[in-house]
Amino acid sequence: MIQVQKKDRETSENLIKRFTRRVQQSGTLMEVRRSRFRKGDKSKIERRDEALYKNKIRKEIGKLKKMGRFDDETLRELKKKIKQGQQ
């Protein structure tokens, strides 16, 4: 934790500038920004389930393309159907 104490006859602006400089030099702000949206690694079960889901989707999309029925709306319905089947 970074702490800055006010010196004698120091203005609050200078105190804030000094604090900001210390925070930037410490690198904590950059580390937080870098890891802000980072998600943790998935477990083995989650990776397996995701792979199975993707395989099902690809298989169904292939069938639909061969029949000439593939479009965005069909894809949405297909994803809904597969998600409900998994639960």
C-alpha atoms as a PDB file:
ATOM      1  CA  MET A   1       0.000   0.000   0.000  1.00  0.00           C
ATOM      2  CA  ILE A   2       1.336   3.401  -0.940  1.00  0.00           C
ATOM      3  CA  GLN A   3       1.278   6.116   1.685  1.00  0.00           C
ATOM      4  CA  VAL A   4       2.257   9.749   1.353  1.00  0.00           C
ATOM      5  CA  GLN A   5       2.325  12.178   4.259  1.00  0.00           C
ATOM      6  CA  LYS A   6       1.941  15.896   3.883  1.00  0.00           C
ATOM      7  CA  LYS A   7       5.146  17.830   4.431  1.00  0.00           C
ATOM      8  CA  ASP A   8       5.328  21.177   6.209  1.00  0.00           C
ATOM      9  CA  ARG A   9       4.015  24.026   4.086  1.00  0.00           C
ATOM     10  CA  GLU A  10       3.115  21.677   1.192  1.00  0.00           C
ATOM     11  CA  THR A  11       0.006  22.412  -0.829  1.00  0.00           C
ATOM     12  CA  SER A  12      -2.619  19.730  -1.351  1.00  0.00           C
ATOM     13  CA  GLU A  13      -1.997  19.872  -5.111  1.00  0.00           C
ATOM     14  CA  ASN A  14       1.662  18.978  -4.613  1.00  0.00           C
ATOM     15  CA  LEU A  15       0.663  16.176  -2.245  1.00  0.00           C
ATOM     16  CA  ILE A  16      -1.710  14.726  -4.852  1.00  0.00           C
ATOM     17  CA  LYS A  17       0.966  15.012  -7.557  1.00  0.00           C
ATOM     18  CA  ARG A  18       3.482  13.232  -5.340  1.00  0.00           C
ATOM     19  CA  PHE A  19       0.996  10.477  -4.562  1.00  0.00           C
ATOM     20  CA  THR A  20       0.108  10.038  -8.245  1.00  0.00           C
ATOM     21  CA  ARG A  21       3.790   9.807  -9.174  1.00  0.00           C
ATOM     22  CA  ARG A  22       4.414   7.162  -6.476  1.00  0.00           C
ATOM     23  CA  VAL A  23       1.460   5.095  -7.703  1.00  0.00           C
ATOM     24  CA  GLN A  24       2.713   5.242 -11.293  1.00  0.00           C
ATOM     25  CA  GLN A  25       6.256   4.313 -10.290  1.00  0.00           C
ATOM     26  CA  SER A  26       5.089   1.343  -8.245  1.00  0.00           C
ATOM     27  CA  GLY A  27       3.397  -0.228 -11.292  1.00  0.00           C
ATOM     28  CA  THR A  28       0.317  -1.354  -9.379  1.00  0.00           C
ATOM     29  CA  LEU A  29      -2.024   0.648 -11.584  1.00  0.00           C
ATOM     30  CA  MET A  30      -0.664  -0.931 -14.766  1.00  0.00           C
ATOM     31  CA  GLU A  31      -0.941  -4.402 -13.234  1.00  0.00           C
ATOM     32  CA  VAL A  32      -4.577  -3.829 -12.289  1.00  0.00           C
ATOM     33  CA  ARG A  33      -5.422  -2.487 -15.741  1.00  0.00           C
ATOM     34  CA  ARG A  34      -3.709  -5.463 -17.383  1.00  0.00           C
ATOM     35  CA  SER A  35      -5.557  -8.037 -15.298  1.00  0.00           C
ATOM     36  CA  ARG A  36      -8.884  -6.199 -15.198  1.00  0.00           C
ATOM     37  CA  PHE A  37     -10.747  -8.289 -17.755  1.00  0.00           C
ATOM     38  CA  ARG A  38      -8.643 -11.431 -17.563  1.00  0.00           C
ATOM     39  CA  LYS A  39     -10.565 -14.540 -16.723  1.00  0.00           C
ATOM     40  CA  GLY A  40      -9.105 -17.450 -14.843  1.00  0.00           C
ATOM     41  CA  ASP A  41      -8.174 -20.683 -16.553  1.00  0.00           C
ATOM     42  CA  LYS A  42     -11.028 -23.067 -17.205  1.00  0.00           C
ATOM     43  CA  SER A  43     -11.161 -26.402 -15.475  1.00  0.00           C
ATOM     44  CA  LYS A  44     -10.719 -29.632 -17.382  1.00  0.00           C
ATOM     45  CA  ILE A  45     -14.462 -30.348 -17.205  1.00  0.00           C
ATOM     46  CA  GLU A  46     -15.384 -26.890 -18.545  1.00  0.00           C
ATOM     47  CA  ARG A  47     -12.948 -27.260 -21.461  1.00  0.00           C
ATOM     48  CA  ARG A  48     -14.327 -30.690 -22.289  1.00  0.00           C
ATOM     49  CA  ASP A  49     -17.950 -29.490 -22.170  1.00  0.00           C
ATOM     50  CA  GLU A  50     -17.104 -26.529 -24.396  1.00  0.00           C
ATOM     51  CA  ALA A  51     -15.369 -28.787 -26.914  1.00  0.00           C
ATOM     52  CA  LEU A  52     -18.344 -31.170 -26.996  1.00  0.00           C
ATOM     53  CA  TYR A  53     -20.731 -28.244 -27.506  1.00  0.00           C
ATOM     54  CA  LYS A  54     -18.630 -26.859 -30.375  1.00  0.00           C
ATOM     55  CA  ASN A  55     -18.480 -30.276 -32.036  1.00  0.00           C
ATOM     56  CA  LYS A  56     -22.275 -30.627 -31.870  1.00  0.00           C
ATOM     57  CA  ILE A  57     -22.765 -27.154 -33.333  1.00  0.00           C
ATOM     58  CA  ARG A  58     -20.292 -27.792 -36.177  1.00  0.00           C
ATOM     59  CA  LYS A  59     -21.941 -31.118 -37.011  1.00  0.00           C
ATOM     60  CA  GLU A  60     -25.422 -29.576 -37.137  1.00  0.00           C
ATOM     61  CA  ILE A  61     -24.216 -26.572 -39.160  1.00  0.00           C
ATOM     62  CA  GLY A  62     -22.655 -28.955 -41.678  1.00  0.00           C
ATOM     63  CA  LYS A  63     -25.962 -30.811 -42.048  1.00  0.00           C
ATOM     64  CA  LEU A  64     -27.929 -27.590 -42.456  1.00  0.00           C
ATOM     65  CA  LYS A  65     -25.501 -26.211 -45.057  1.00  0.00           C
ATOM     66  CA  LYS A  66     -25.816 -29.380 -47.112  1.00  0.00           C
ATOM     67  CA  MET A  67     -29.598 -29.031 -47.048  1.00  0.00           C
ATOM     68  CA  GLY A  68     -29.356 -25.322 -47.882  1.00  0.00           C
ATOM     69  CA  ARG A  69     -31.222 -24.213 -44.739  1.00  0.00           C
ATOM     70  CA  PHE A  70     -28.430 -22.436 -42.867  1.00  0.00           C
ATOM     71  CA  ASP A  71     -28.856 -18.780 -41.828  1.00  0.00           C
ATOM     72  CA  ASP A  72     -28.463 -16.643 -38.693  1.00  0.00           C
ATOM     73  CA  GLU A  73     -31.929 -17.359 -37.310  1.00  0.00           C
ATOM     74  CA  THR A  74     -31.446 -21.111 -37.690  1.00  0.00           C
ATOM     75  CA  LEU A  75     -28.094 -20.871 -35.920  1.00  0.00           C
ATOM     76  CA  ARG A  76     -29.693 -19.091 -32.935  1.00  0.00           C
ATOM     77  CA  GLU A  77     -32.427 -21.728 -32.699  1.00  0.00           C
ATOM     78  CA  LEU A  78     -29.861 -24.512 -32.969  1.00  0.00           C
ATOM     79  CA  LYS A  79     -27.751 -23.065 -30.152  1.00  0.00           C
ATOM     80  CA  LYS A  80     -30.839 -22.725 -27.938  1.00  0.00           C
ATOM     81  CA  LYS A  81     -31.865 -26.307 -28.632  1.00  0.00           C
ATOM     82  CA  ILE A  82     -28.419 -27.711 -27.848  1.00  0.00           C
ATOM     83  CA  LYS A  83     -28.037 -25.628 -24.663  1.00  0.00           C
ATOM     84  CA  GLN A  84     -31.434 -26.827 -23.403  1.00  0.00           C
ATOM     85  CA  GLY A  85     -30.490 -30.422 -24.204  1.00  0.00           C
ATOM     86  CA  GLN A  86     -27.350 -30.135 -22.063  1.00  0.00           C
ATOM     87  CA  GLN A  87     -29.215 -28.939 -18.970  1.00  0.00           C
END
